[in-house]
Amino acid sequence: MQNIVDLRLFNQLISGGKPDKPEQVAKHLGALQAQDYHQALWAIGLRMSSGTVADIRAKHCRS
């Protein structure tokens, strides 16, 4: 059985399989919060399989 730390990291998309698109991250988490724009980019990119700043900004600017 997994411990609570492993489950939390998995559910927050920090460990395990990661989505390819920023909108998949937002949909899974339901909401994201950051103190500034660069922290938000980092939080989304951390949870993507190979997210780049350009990928995240491109999606953000279309929304």
C-alpha atoms as a PDB file:
ATOM      1  CA  MET A   1       0.000   0.000   0.000  1.00  0.00           C
ATOM      2  CA  GLN A   2       1.238   3.474  -0.877  1.00  0.00           C
ATOM      3  CA  ASN A   3       1.740   6.084   1.768  1.00  0.00           C
ATOM      4  CA  ILE A   4      -0.039   9.444   1.803  1.00  0.00           C
ATOM      5  CA  VAL A   5       2.978  11.325   0.406  1.00  0.00           C
ATOM      6  CA  ASP A   6       3.147   9.118  -2.687  1.00  0.00           C
ATOM      7  CA  LEU A   7      -0.599   9.425  -3.252  1.00  0.00           C
ATOM      8  CA  ARG A   8      -0.507  13.199  -2.930  1.00  0.00           C
ATOM      9  CA  LEU A   9       2.398  13.558  -5.370  1.00  0.00           C
ATOM     10  CA  PHE A  10       0.615  11.288  -7.839  1.00  0.00           C
ATOM     11  CA  ASN A  11      -2.719  13.117  -7.541  1.00  0.00           C
ATOM     12  CA  GLN A  12      -0.997  16.500  -7.951  1.00  0.00           C
ATOM     13  CA  LEU A  13       0.665  15.221 -11.186  1.00  0.00           C
ATOM     14  CA  ILE A  14       4.140  15.631  -9.701  1.00  0.00           C
ATOM     15  CA  SER A  15       4.972  11.917  -9.940  1.00  0.00           C
ATOM     16  CA  GLY A  16       3.700   9.210 -12.237  1.00  0.00           C
ATOM     17  CA  GLY A  17       2.264   9.794 -15.695  1.00  0.00           C
ATOM     18  CA  LYS A  18       1.998  13.396 -16.830  1.00  0.00           C
ATOM     19  CA  PRO A  19      -0.254  15.034 -19.422  1.00  0.00           C
ATOM     20  CA  ASP A  20       1.100  16.492 -22.664  1.00  0.00           C
ATOM     21  CA  LYS A  21      -0.971  19.686 -22.750  1.00  0.00           C
ATOM     22  CA  PRO A  22      -1.402  22.556 -20.272  1.00  0.00           C
ATOM     23  CA  GLU A  23      -5.191  22.395 -20.526  1.00  0.00           C
ATOM     24  CA  GLN A  24      -5.061  18.758 -19.392  1.00  0.00           C
ATOM     25  CA  VAL A  25      -3.158  19.848 -16.281  1.00  0.00           C
ATOM     26  CA  ALA A  26      -5.736  22.535 -15.498  1.00  0.00           C
ATOM     27  CA  LYS A  27      -8.639  20.143 -16.102  1.00  0.00           C
ATOM     28  CA  HIS A  28      -7.145  17.482 -13.821  1.00  0.00           C
ATOM     29  CA  LEU A  29      -6.400  19.893 -10.975  1.00  0.00           C
ATOM     30  CA  GLY A  30      -9.556  21.965 -11.352  1.00  0.00           C
ATOM     31  CA  ALA A  31      -7.726  25.182 -10.449  1.00  0.00           C
ATOM     32  CA  LEU A  32      -4.229  26.628 -10.233  1.00  0.00           C
ATOM     33  CA  GLN A  33      -2.961  29.449  -8.059  1.00  0.00           C
ATOM     34  CA  ALA A  34       0.359  31.291  -8.033  1.00  0.00           C
ATOM     35  CA  GLN A  35       1.750  34.523  -6.636  1.00  0.00           C
ATOM     36  CA  ASP A  36       2.984  35.642 -10.037  1.00  0.00           C
ATOM     37  CA  TYR A  37       2.946  34.677 -13.703  1.00  0.00           C
ATOM     38  CA  HIS A  38       6.318  32.922 -13.717  1.00  0.00           C
ATOM     39  CA  GLN A  39       5.351  30.714 -10.779  1.00  0.00           C
ATOM     40  CA  ALA A  40       2.185  29.749 -12.657  1.00  0.00           C
ATOM     41  CA  LEU A  41       4.240  28.781 -15.735  1.00  0.00           C
ATOM     42  CA  TRP A  42       6.541  26.687 -13.551  1.00  0.00           C
ATOM     43  CA  ALA A  43       3.630  24.975 -11.773  1.00  0.00           C
ATOM     44  CA  ILE A  44       2.020  23.964 -15.060  1.00  0.00           C
ATOM     45  CA  GLY A  45       5.293  22.960 -16.760  1.00  0.00           C
ATOM     46  CA  LEU A  46       6.301  20.818 -13.778  1.00  0.00           C
ATOM     47  CA  ARG A  47       3.166  18.760 -14.260  1.00  0.00           C
ATOM     48  CA  MET A  48       3.558  18.242 -18.024  1.00  0.00           C
ATOM     49  CA  SER A  49       5.525  15.459 -19.683  1.00  0.00           C
ATOM     50  CA  SER A  50       7.620  17.937 -21.680  1.00  0.00           C
ATOM     51  CA  GLY A  51       6.110  21.381 -21.232  1.00  0.00           C
ATOM     52  CA  THR A  52       7.965  24.456 -22.403  1.00  0.00           C
ATOM     53  CA  VAL A  53       7.286  28.102 -21.635  1.00  0.00           C
ATOM     54  CA  ALA A  54       6.337  28.590 -25.297  1.00  0.00           C
ATOM     55  CA  ASP A  55       3.775  25.747 -25.140  1.00  0.00           C
ATOM     56  CA  ILE A  56       2.142  27.118 -22.016  1.00  0.00           C
ATOM     57  CA  ARG A  57       2.140  30.736 -23.216  1.00  0.00           C
ATOM     58  CA  ALA A  58       0.684  29.752 -26.590  1.00  0.00           C
ATOM     59  CA  LYS A  59      -2.263  28.038 -24.927  1.00  0.00           C
ATOM     60  CA  HIS A  60      -2.693  30.813 -22.366  1.00  0.00           C
ATOM     61  CA  CYS A  61      -2.832  33.506 -25.055  1.00  0.00           C
ATOM     62  CA  ARG A  62      -5.513  31.611 -27.018  1.00  0.00           C
ATOM     63  CA  SER A  63      -7.807  31.231 -24.018  1.00  0.00           C
END
